[in-house]
PDB file of N, CA and C in Angstrom:
ATOM      1  N   MET A   1       0.815  -1.186   0.000  1.00  0.00           N
ATOM      2  CA  MET A   1       0.000   0.000   0.000  1.00  0.00           C
ATOM      3  C   MET A   1       0.868   1.263   0.000  1.00  0.00           C
ATOM      4  N   LYS A   2       1.986   1.234   0.756  1.00  0.00           N
ATOM      5  CA  LYS A   2       2.875   2.389   0.807  1.00  0.00           C
ATOM      6  C   LYS A   2       3.487   2.658  -0.561  1.00  0.00           C
ATOM      7  N   LYS A   3       3.832   1.578  -1.275  1.00  0.00           N
ATOM      8  CA  LYS A   3       4.418   1.745  -2.603  1.00  0.00           C
ATOM      9  C   LYS A   3       3.424   2.383  -3.558  1.00  0.00           C
ATOM     10  N   GLN A   4       2.170   1.971  -3.483  1.00  0.00           N
ATOM     11  CA  GLN A   4       1.142   2.540  -4.356  1.00  0.00           C
ATOM     12  C   GLN A   4       0.935   4.019  -4.039  1.00  0.00           C
ATOM     13  N   PHE A   5       0.945   4.344  -2.750  1.00  0.00           N
ATOM     14  CA  PHE A   5       0.779   5.730  -2.332  1.00  0.00           C
ATOM     15  C   PHE A   5       1.959   6.568  -2.832  1.00  0.00           C
ATOM     16  N   ALA A   6       3.167   6.039  -2.671  1.00  0.00           N
ATOM     17  CA  ALA A   6       4.362   6.744  -3.129  1.00  0.00           C
ATOM     18  C   ALA A   6       4.322   6.940  -4.637  1.00  0.00           C
ATOM     19  N   LEU A   7       3.870   5.926  -5.367  1.00  0.00           N
ATOM     20  CA  LEU A   7       3.763   6.031  -6.818  1.00  0.00           C
ATOM     21  C   LEU A   7       2.735   7.085  -7.197  1.00  0.00           C
ATOM     22  N   ALA A   8       1.618   7.111  -6.499  1.00  0.00           N
ATOM     23  CA  ALA A   8       0.580   8.102  -6.777  1.00  0.00           C
ATOM     24  C   ALA A   8       1.100   9.510  -6.531  1.00  0.00           C
ATOM     25  N   ILE A   9       1.856   9.680  -5.458  1.00  0.00           N
ATOM     26  CA  ILE A   9       2.435  10.998  -5.160  1.00  0.00           C
ATOM     27  C   ILE A   9       3.442  11.383  -6.242  1.00  0.00           C
ATOM     28  N   ALA A  10       4.280  10.436  -6.637  1.00  0.00           N
ATOM     29  CA  ALA A  10       5.275  10.713  -7.676  1.00  0.00           C
ATOM     30  C   ALA A  10       4.602  11.091  -8.988  1.00  0.00           C
ATOM     31  N   LEU A  11       3.559  10.387  -9.362  1.00  0.00           N
ATOM     32  CA  LEU A  11       2.854  10.696 -10.605  1.00  0.00           C
ATOM     33  C   LEU A  11       2.162  12.052 -10.526  1.00  0.00           C
ATOM     34  N   THR A  12       1.578  12.350  -9.383  1.00  0.00           N
ATOM     35  CA  THR A  12       0.929  13.651  -9.197  1.00  0.00           C
ATOM     36  C   THR A  12       1.958  14.773  -9.308  1.00  0.00           C
ATOM     37  N   TYR A  13       3.113  14.565  -8.691  1.00  0.00           N
ATOM     38  CA  TYR A  13       4.170  15.567  -8.746  1.00  0.00           C
ATOM     39  C   TYR A  13       4.651  15.752 -10.187  1.00  0.00           C
ATOM     40  N   ALA A  14       4.874  14.649 -10.884  1.00  0.00           N
ATOM     41  CA  ALA A  14       5.336  14.720 -12.272  1.00  0.00           C
ATOM     42  C   ALA A  14       4.325  15.454 -13.138  1.00  0.00           C
ATOM     43  N   LEU A  15       3.056  15.170 -12.927  1.00  0.00           N
ATOM     44  CA  LEU A  15       2.007  15.824 -13.699  1.00  0.00           C
ATOM     45  C   LEU A  15       1.973  17.312 -13.398  1.00  0.00           C
ATOM     46  N   SER A  16       2.104  17.674 -12.136  1.00  0.00           N
ATOM     47  CA  SER A  16       2.067  19.093 -11.775  1.00  0.00           C
ATOM     48  C   SER A  16       3.273  19.815 -12.358  1.00  0.00           C
ATOM     49  N   MET A  17       4.433  19.173 -12.363  1.00  0.00           N
ATOM     50  CA  MET A  17       5.617  19.779 -12.947  1.00  0.00           C
ATOM     51  C   MET A  17       5.444  19.941 -14.449  1.00  0.00           C
ATOM     52  N   SER A  18       4.844  18.952 -15.086  1.00  0.00           N
ATOM     53  CA  SER A  18       4.591  19.024 -16.521  1.00  0.00           C
ATOM     54  C   SER A  18       3.636  20.168 -16.831  1.00  0.00           C
ATOM     55  N   GLN A  19       2.600  20.317 -16.018  1.00  0.00           N
ATOM     56  CA  GLN A  19       1.637  21.389 -16.232  1.00  0.00           C
ATOM     57  C   GLN A  19       2.280  22.745 -15.988  1.00  0.00           C
ATOM     58  N   ALA A  20       3.163  22.830 -15.009  1.00  0.00           N
ATOM     59  CA  ALA A  20       3.852  24.088 -14.740  1.00  0.00           C
ATOM     60  C   ALA A  20       4.726  24.465 -15.927  1.00  0.00           C
ATOM     61  N   SER A  21       5.408  23.476 -16.482  1.00  0.00           N
ATOM     62  CA  SER A  21       6.238  23.720 -17.654  1.00  0.00           C
ATOM     63  C   SER A  21       5.380  24.132 -18.830  1.00  0.00           C
ATOM     64  N   PHE A  22       4.250  23.468 -18.981  1.00  0.00           N
ATOM     65  CA  PHE A  22       3.358  23.755 -20.097  1.00  0.00           C
ATOM     66  C   PHE A  22       2.766  25.147 -19.971  1.00  0.00           C
ATOM     67  N   ALA A  23       2.597  25.614 -18.735  1.00  0.00           N
ATOM     68  CA  ALA A  23       2.006  26.926 -18.507  1.00  0.00           C
ATOM     69  C   ALA A  23       2.964  28.056 -18.884  1.00  0.00           C
ATOM     70  N   GLN A  24       4.244  27.731 -18.958  1.00  0.00           N
ATOM     71  CA  GLN A  24       5.221  28.746 -19.339  1.00  0.00           C
ATOM     72  C   GLN A  24       4.875  29.221 -20.749  1.00  0.00           C
ATOM     73  N   SER A  25       4.927  30.511 -20.968  1.00  0.00           N
ATOM     74  CA  SER A  25       4.499  31.042 -22.256  1.00  0.00           C
ATOM     75  C   SER A  25       5.428  30.617 -23.387  1.00  0.00           C
ATOM     76  N   ALA A  26       4.866  30.602 -24.577  1.00  0.00           N
ATOM     77  CA  ALA A  26       5.653  30.249 -25.756  1.00  0.00           C
ATOM     78  C   ALA A  26       6.810  31.225 -25.925  1.00  0.00           C
ATOM     79  N   ALA A  27       6.589  32.492 -25.635  1.00  0.00           N
ATOM     80  CA  ALA A  27       7.653  33.483 -25.779  1.00  0.00           C
ATOM     81  C   ALA A  27       8.833  33.161 -24.864  1.00  0.00           C
ATOM     82  N   GLU A  28       8.547  32.736 -23.632  1.00  0.00           N
ATOM     83  CA  GLU A  28       9.623  32.372 -22.714  1.00  0.00           C
ATOM     84  C   GLU A  28      10.402  31.177 -23.243  1.00  0.00           C
ATOM     85  N   HIS A  29       9.685  30.212 -23.824  1.00  0.00           N
ATOM     86  CA  HIS A  29      10.370  29.039 -24.386  1.00  0.00           C
ATOM     87  C   HIS A  29      11.229  29.444 -25.583  1.00  0.00           C
ATOM     88  N   HIS A  30      10.742  30.346 -26.406  1.00  0.00           N
ATOM     89  CA  HIS A  30      11.551  30.819 -27.542  1.00  0.00           C
ATOM     90  C   HIS A  30      12.803  31.532 -27.037  1.00  0.00           C
ATOM     91  N   ASP A  31      12.646  32.361 -26.003  1.00  0.00           N
ATOM     92  CA  ASP A  31      13.804  33.052 -25.431  1.00  0.00           C
ATOM     93  C   ASP A  31      14.831  32.059 -24.895  1.00  0.00           C
ATOM     94  N   LYS A  32      14.361  31.055 -24.165  1.00  0.00           N
ATOM     95  CA  LYS A  32      15.273  30.056 -23.595  1.00  0.00           C
ATOM     96  C   LYS A  32      15.949  29.249 -24.699  1.00  0.00           C
ATOM     97  N   ALA A  33      15.199  28.895 -25.733  1.00  0.00           N
ATOM     98  CA  ALA A  33      15.796  28.153 -26.851  1.00  0.00           C
ATOM     99  C   ALA A  33      16.912  28.974 -27.489  1.00  0.00           C
ATOM    100  N   ALA A  34      16.645  30.265 -27.694  1.00  0.00           N
ATOM    101  CA  ALA A  34      17.661  31.140 -28.286  1.00  0.00           C
ATOM    102  C   ALA A  34      18.903  31.228 -27.403  1.00  0.00           C
ATOM    103  N   GLU A  35      18.701  31.349 -26.087  1.00  0.00           N
ATOM    104  CA  GLU A  35      19.841  31.413 -25.166  1.00  0.00           C
ATOM    105  C   GLU A  35      20.687  30.148 -25.256  1.00  0.00           C
ATOM    106  N   HIS A  36      20.032  29.004 -25.324  1.00  0.00           N
ATOM    107  CA  HIS A  36      20.783  27.745 -25.406  1.00  0.00           C
ATOM    108  C   HIS A  36      21.484  27.602 -26.755  1.00  0.00           C
ATOM    109  N   HIS A  37      20.851  28.052 -27.834  1.00  0.00           N
ATOM    110  CA  HIS A  37      21.520  28.010 -29.144  1.00  0.00           C
ATOM    111  C   HIS A  37      22.753  28.912 -29.133  1.00  0.00           C
ATOM    112  N   GLU A  38      22.631  30.083 -28.516  1.00  0.00           N
ATOM    113  CA  GLU A  38      23.781  30.992 -28.436  1.00  0.00           C
ATOM    114  C   GLU A  38      24.909  30.386 -27.602  1.00  0.00           C
ATOM    115  N   ALA A  39      24.557  29.742 -26.499  1.00  0.00           N
ATOM    116  CA  ALA A  39      25.575  29.090 -25.669  1.00  0.00           C
ATOM    117  C   ALA A  39      26.231  27.938 -26.429  1.00  0.00           C
ATOM    118  N   ALA A  40      25.425  27.192 -27.173  1.00  0.00           N
ATOM    119  CA  ALA A  40      25.969  26.087 -27.972  1.00  0.00           C
ATOM    120  C   ALA A  40      26.954  26.616 -29.010  1.00  0.00           C
ATOM    121  N   ALA A  41      26.605  27.722 -29.641  1.00  0.00           N
ATOM    122  CA  ALA A  41      27.496  28.308 -30.652  1.00  0.00           C
ATOM    123  C   ALA A  41      28.836  28.704 -30.032  1.00  0.00           C
ATOM    124  N   LYS A  42      28.799  29.276 -28.838  1.00  0.00           N
ATOM    125  CA  LYS A  42      30.046  29.658 -28.158  1.00  0.00           C
ATOM    126  C   LYS A  42      30.904  28.424 -27.881  1.00  0.00           C
ATOM    127  N   HIS A  43      30.275  27.353 -27.428  1.00  0.00           N
ATOM    128  CA  HIS A  43      31.026  26.123 -27.152  1.00  0.00           C
ATOM    129  C   HIS A  43      31.578  25.514 -28.439  1.00  0.00           C
ATOM    130  N   HIS A  44      30.820  25.576 -29.519  1.00  0.00           N
ATOM    131  CA  HIS A  44      31.327  25.060 -30.800  1.00  0.00           C
ATOM    132  C   HIS A  44      32.551  25.854 -31.251  1.00  0.00           C
ATOM    133  N   ARG A  45      32.509  27.173 -31.074  1.00  0.00           N
ATOM    134  CA  ARG A  45      33.669  27.998 -31.450  1.00  0.00           C
ATOM    135  C   ARG A  45      34.892  27.640 -30.605  1.00  0.00           C
ATOM    136  N   GLU A  46      34.661  27.431 -29.309  1.00  0.00           N
ATOM    137  CA  GLU A  46      35.764  27.025 -28.433  1.00  0.00           C
ATOM    138  C   GLU A  46      36.304  25.650 -28.843  1.00  0.00           C
ATOM    139  N   ALA A  47      35.401  24.737 -29.187  1.00  0.00           N
ATOM    140  CA  ALA A  47      35.826  23.399 -29.617  1.00  0.00           C
ATOM    141  C   ALA A  47      36.694  23.503 -30.875  1.00  0.00           C
ATOM    142  N   ALA A  48      36.286  24.337 -31.810  1.00  0.00           N
ATOM    143  CA  ALA A  48      37.066  24.515 -33.037  1.00  0.00           C
ATOM    144  C   ALA A  48      38.448  25.073 -32.730  1.00  0.00           C
ATOM    145  N   LYS A  49      38.501  26.062 -31.827  1.00  0.00           N
ATOM    146  CA  LYS A  49      39.774  26.670 -31.441  1.00  0.00           C
ATOM    147  C   LYS A  49      40.711  25.617 -30.831  1.00  0.00           C
ATOM    148  N   HIS A  50      40.167  24.780 -29.959  1.00  0.00           N
ATOM    149  CA  HIS A  50      40.996  23.755 -29.310  1.00  0.00           C
ATOM    150  C   HIS A  50      41.410  22.660 -30.290  1.00  0.00           C
ATOM    151  N   HIS A  51      40.543  22.335 -31.237  1.00  0.00           N
ATOM    152  CA  HIS A  51      40.927  21.351 -32.271  1.00  0.00           C
ATOM    153  C   HIS A  51      42.097  21.885 -33.085  1.00  0.00           C
ATOM    154  N   ARG A  52      42.016  23.155 -33.477  1.00  0.00           N
ATOM    155  CA  ARG A  52      43.118  23.752 -34.249  1.00  0.00           C
ATOM    156  C   ARG A  52      44.426  23.731 -33.465  1.00  0.00           C
ATOM    157  N   ALA A  53      44.318  23.889 -32.147  1.00  0.00           N
ATOM    158  CA  ALA A  53      45.522  23.895 -31.298  1.00  0.00           C
ATOM    159  C   ALA A  53      45.988  22.485 -30.962  1.00  0.00           C
ATOM    160  N   GLY A  54      45.214  21.494 -31.378  1.00  0.00           N
ATOM    161  CA  GLY A  54      45.600  20.111 -31.129  1.00  0.00           C
ATOM    162  C   GLY A  54      45.200  19.580 -29.765  1.00  0.00           C
ATOM    163  N   ASN A  55      44.391  20.328 -29.039  1.00  0.00           N
ATOM    164  CA  ASN A  55      43.964  19.892 -27.715  1.00  0.00           C
ATOM    165  C   ASN A  55      42.590  19.224 -27.824  1.00  0.00           C
ATOM    166  N   LYS A  56      42.630  17.955 -28.153  1.00  0.00           N
ATOM    167  CA  LYS A  56      41.383  17.221 -28.392  1.00  0.00           C
ATOM    168  C   LYS A  56      40.543  17.044 -27.130  1.00  0.00           C
ATOM    169  N   GLU A  57      41.184  16.993 -25.962  1.00  0.00           N
ATOM    170  CA  GLU A  57      40.431  16.823 -24.718  1.00  0.00           C
ATOM    171  C   GLU A  57      39.545  18.046 -24.450  1.00  0.00           C
ATOM    172  N   LYS A  58      40.123  19.238 -24.572  1.00  0.00           N
ATOM    173  CA  LYS A  58      39.332  20.459 -24.373  1.00  0.00           C
ATOM    174  C   LYS A  58      38.302  20.619 -25.479  1.00  0.00           C
ATOM    175  N   ALA A  59      38.680  20.253 -26.693  1.00  0.00           N
ATOM    176  CA  ALA A  59      37.734  20.334 -27.809  1.00  0.00           C
ATOM    177  C   ALA A  59      36.541  19.429 -27.561  1.00  0.00           C
ATOM    178  N   SER A  60      36.814  18.230 -27.070  1.00  0.00           N
ATOM    179  CA  SER A  60      35.747  17.275 -26.777  1.00  0.00           C
ATOM    180  C   SER A  60      34.848  17.791 -25.665  1.00  0.00           C
ATOM    181  N   HIS A  61      35.423  18.391 -24.647  1.00  0.00           N
ATOM    182  CA  HIS A  61      34.647  18.960 -23.544  1.00  0.00           C
ATOM    183  C   HIS A  61      33.658  20.007 -24.075  1.00  0.00           C
ATOM    184  N   HIS A  62      34.153  20.922 -24.893  1.00  0.00           N
ATOM    185  CA  HIS A  62      33.292  21.987 -25.410  1.00  0.00           C
ATOM    186  C   HIS A  62      32.263  21.449 -26.407  1.00  0.00           C
ATOM    187  N   ALA A  63      32.639  20.466 -27.177  1.00  0.00           N
ATOM    188  CA  ALA A  63      31.675  19.861 -28.107  1.00  0.00           C
ATOM    189  C   ALA A  63      30.542  19.192 -27.332  1.00  0.00           C
ATOM    190  N   HIS A  64      30.887  18.533 -26.246  1.00  0.00           N
ATOM    191  CA  HIS A  64      29.870  17.869 -25.429  1.00  0.00           C
ATOM    192  C   HIS A  64      28.960  18.900 -24.761  1.00  0.00           C
ATOM    193  N   ALA A  65      29.537  19.988 -24.269  1.00  0.00           N
ATOM    194  CA  ALA A  65      28.738  21.062 -23.669  1.00  0.00           C
ATOM    195  C   ALA A  65      27.811  21.676 -24.714  1.00  0.00           C
ATOM    196  N   ALA A  66      28.313  21.859 -25.934  1.00  0.00           N
ATOM    197  CA  ALA A  66      27.479  22.401 -27.012  1.00  0.00           C
ATOM    198  C   ALA A  66      26.295  21.483 -27.284  1.00  0.00           C
ATOM    199  N   HIS A  67      26.558  20.207 -27.292  1.00  0.00           N
ATOM    200  CA  HIS A  67      25.469  19.246 -27.519  1.00  0.00           C
ATOM    201  C   HIS A  67      24.415  19.348 -26.419  1.00  0.00           C
ATOM    202  N   GLY A  68      24.853  19.473 -25.179  1.00  0.00           N
ATOM    203  CA  GLY A  68      23.914  19.613 -24.065  1.00  0.00           C
ATOM    204  C   GLY A  68      23.018  20.836 -24.232  1.00  0.00           C
ATOM    205  N   HIS A  69      23.608  21.946 -24.650  1.00  0.00           N
ATOM    206  CA  HIS A  69      22.806  23.152 -24.880  1.00  0.00           C
ATOM    207  C   HIS A  69      21.841  22.943 -26.051  1.00  0.00           C
ATOM    208  N   SER A  70      22.288  22.227 -27.070  1.00  0.00           N
ATOM    209  CA  SER A  70      21.402  21.961 -28.206  1.00  0.00           C
ATOM    210  C   SER A  70      20.202  21.116 -27.791  1.00  0.00           C
ATOM    211  N   VAL A  71      20.439  20.140 -26.929  1.00  0.00           N
ATOM    212  CA  VAL A  71      19.348  19.296 -26.428  1.00  0.00           C
ATOM    213  C   VAL A  71      18.355  20.151 -25.647  1.00  0.00           C
ATOM    214  N   GLN A  72      18.876  21.031 -24.787  1.00  0.00           N
ATOM    215  CA  GLN A  72      17.982  21.882 -24.007  1.00  0.00           C
ATOM    216  C   GLN A  72      17.225  22.860 -24.902  1.00  0.00           C
ATOM    217  N   ALA A  73      17.888  23.384 -25.922  1.00  0.00           N
ATOM    218  CA  ALA A  73      17.210  24.283 -26.861  1.00  0.00           C
ATOM    219  C   ALA A  73      16.067  23.552 -27.549  1.00  0.00           C
ATOM    220  N   LYS A  74      16.317  22.317 -27.956  1.00  0.00           N
ATOM    221  CA  LYS A  74      15.281  21.517 -28.630  1.00  0.00           C
ATOM    222  C   LYS A  74      14.095  21.286 -27.702  1.00  0.00           C
ATOM    223  N   GLN A  75      14.359  21.057 -26.425  1.00  0.00           N
ATOM    224  CA  GLN A  75      13.265  20.853 -25.473  1.00  0.00           C
ATOM    225  C   GLN A  75      12.399  22.109 -25.377  1.00  0.00           C
ATOM    226  N   HIS A  76      13.031  23.273 -25.343  1.00  0.00           N
ATOM    227  CA  HIS A  76      12.262  24.515 -25.289  1.00  0.00           C
ATOM    228  C   HIS A  76      11.514  24.756 -26.609  1.00  0.00           C
ATOM    229  N   GLU A  77      12.118  24.387 -27.733  1.00  0.00           N
ATOM    230  CA  GLU A  77      11.429  24.502 -29.020  1.00  0.00           C
ATOM    231  C   GLU A  77      10.178  23.627 -29.024  1.00  0.00           C
ATOM    232  N   ASP A  78      10.314  22.421 -28.502  1.00  0.00           N
ATOM    233  CA  ASP A  78       9.172  21.502 -28.448  1.00  0.00           C
ATOM    234  C   ASP A  78       8.057  22.064 -27.569  1.00  0.00           C
ATOM    235  N   GLU A  79       8.430  22.628 -26.409  1.00  0.00           N
ATOM    236  CA  GLU A  79       7.419  23.201 -25.517  1.00  0.00           C
ATOM    237  C   GLU A  79       6.733  24.398 -26.167  1.00  0.00           C
ATOM    238  N   ALA A  80       7.483  25.215 -26.879  1.00  0.00           N
ATOM    239  CA  ALA A  80       6.883  26.356 -27.569  1.00  0.00           C
ATOM    240  C   ALA A  80       5.912  25.870 -28.643  1.00  0.00           C
ATOM    241  N   ALA A  81       6.306  24.826 -29.366  1.00  0.00           N
ATOM    242  CA  ALA A  81       5.430  24.274 -30.406  1.00  0.00           C
ATOM    243  C   ALA A  81       4.145  23.723 -29.798  1.00  0.00           C
ATOM    244  N   LYS A  82       4.266  23.057 -28.651  1.00  0.00           N
ATOM    245  CA  LYS A  82       3.071  22.542 -27.979  1.00  0.00           C
ATOM    246  C   LYS A  82       2.158  23.692 -27.585  1.00  0.00           C
ATOM    247  N   SER A  83       2.757  24.753 -27.088  1.00  0.00           N
ATOM    248  CA  SER A  83       1.972  25.912 -26.679  1.00  0.00           C
ATOM    249  C   SER A  83       1.241  26.504 -27.875  1.00  0.00           C
ATOM    250  N   HIS A  84       1.939  26.601 -29.002  1.00  0.00           N
ATOM    251  CA  HIS A  84       1.303  27.129 -30.219  1.00  0.00           C
ATOM    252  C   HIS A  84       0.187  26.207 -30.695  1.00  0.00           C
ATOM    253  N   ALA A  85       0.448  24.919 -30.639  1.00  0.00           N
ATOM    254  CA  ALA A  85      -0.551  23.942 -31.111  1.00  0.00           C
ATOM    255  C   ALA A  85      -1.801  23.968 -30.245  1.00  0.00           C
ATOM    256  N   ASN A  86      -1.632  24.247 -28.967  1.00  0.00           N
ATOM    257  CA  ASN A  86      -2.772  24.260 -28.052  1.00  0.00           C
ATOM    258  C   ASN A  86      -3.396  25.635 -27.881  1.00  0.00           C
ATOM    259  N   ASP A  87      -2.849  26.598 -28.601  1.00  0.00           N
ATOM    260  CA  ASP A  87      -3.382  27.951 -28.507  1.00  0.00           C
ATOM    261  C   ASP A  87      -4.786  27.969 -29.099  1.00  0.00           C
ATOM    262  N   THR A  88      -5.723  28.472 -28.339  1.00  0.00           N
ATOM    263  CA  THR A  88      -7.119  28.458 -28.792  1.00  0.00           C
ATOM    264  C   THR A  88      -7.491  29.693 -29.590  1.00  0.00           C
ATOM    265  N   GLU A  89      -6.579  30.649 -29.676  1.00  0.00           N
ATOM    266  CA  GLU A  89      -6.879  31.858 -30.431  1.00  0.00           C
ATOM    267  C   GLU A  89      -6.874  31.546 -31.918  1.00  0.00           C
ATOM    268  N   THR A  90      -7.703  32.262 -32.649  1.00  0.00           N
ATOM    269  CA  THR A  90      -7.750  32.113 -34.098  1.00  0.00           C
ATOM    270  C   THR A  90      -6.538  32.827 -34.694  1.00  0.00           C
ATOM    271  N   PRO A  91      -5.797  32.154 -35.570  1.00  0.00           N
ATOM    272  CA  PRO A  91      -4.620  32.796 -36.150  1.00  0.00           C
ATOM    273  C   PRO A  91      -5.010  34.007 -37.000  1.00  0.00           C
ATOM    274  N   ALA A  92      -4.133  35.003 -36.996  1.00  0.00           N
ATOM    275  CA  ALA A  92      -4.364  36.205 -37.819  1.00  0.00           C
ATOM    276  C   ALA A  92      -4.204  35.854 -39.283  1.00  0.00           C
ATOM    277  N   LYS A  93      -5.012  36.502 -40.099  1.00  0.00           N
ATOM    278  CA  LYS A  93      -4.936  36.235 -41.559  1.00  0.00           C
ATOM    279  C   LYS A  93      -4.237  37.327 -42.264  1.00  0.00           C
TER     280      LYS A  93
END
């Protein structure tokens, strides 16, 4: 019974967190996506600089960080798209 209760609480929490994320405006998600794309670009530039210098370890670090920012940007893009798809307003013509 305790496990079922704990699972119910976990699911309720997950749902509330999902709804909180969904409530974030599309504009905020676009802003966050842009910030992550900009951060990814900076890391890619650093990775290129380190590759040219022959420091593959630092290049790999920055490439991995860039990928992480790209993943986060994609998540914000997806949330913005969901917000647009669920928007009940009639689109302007």
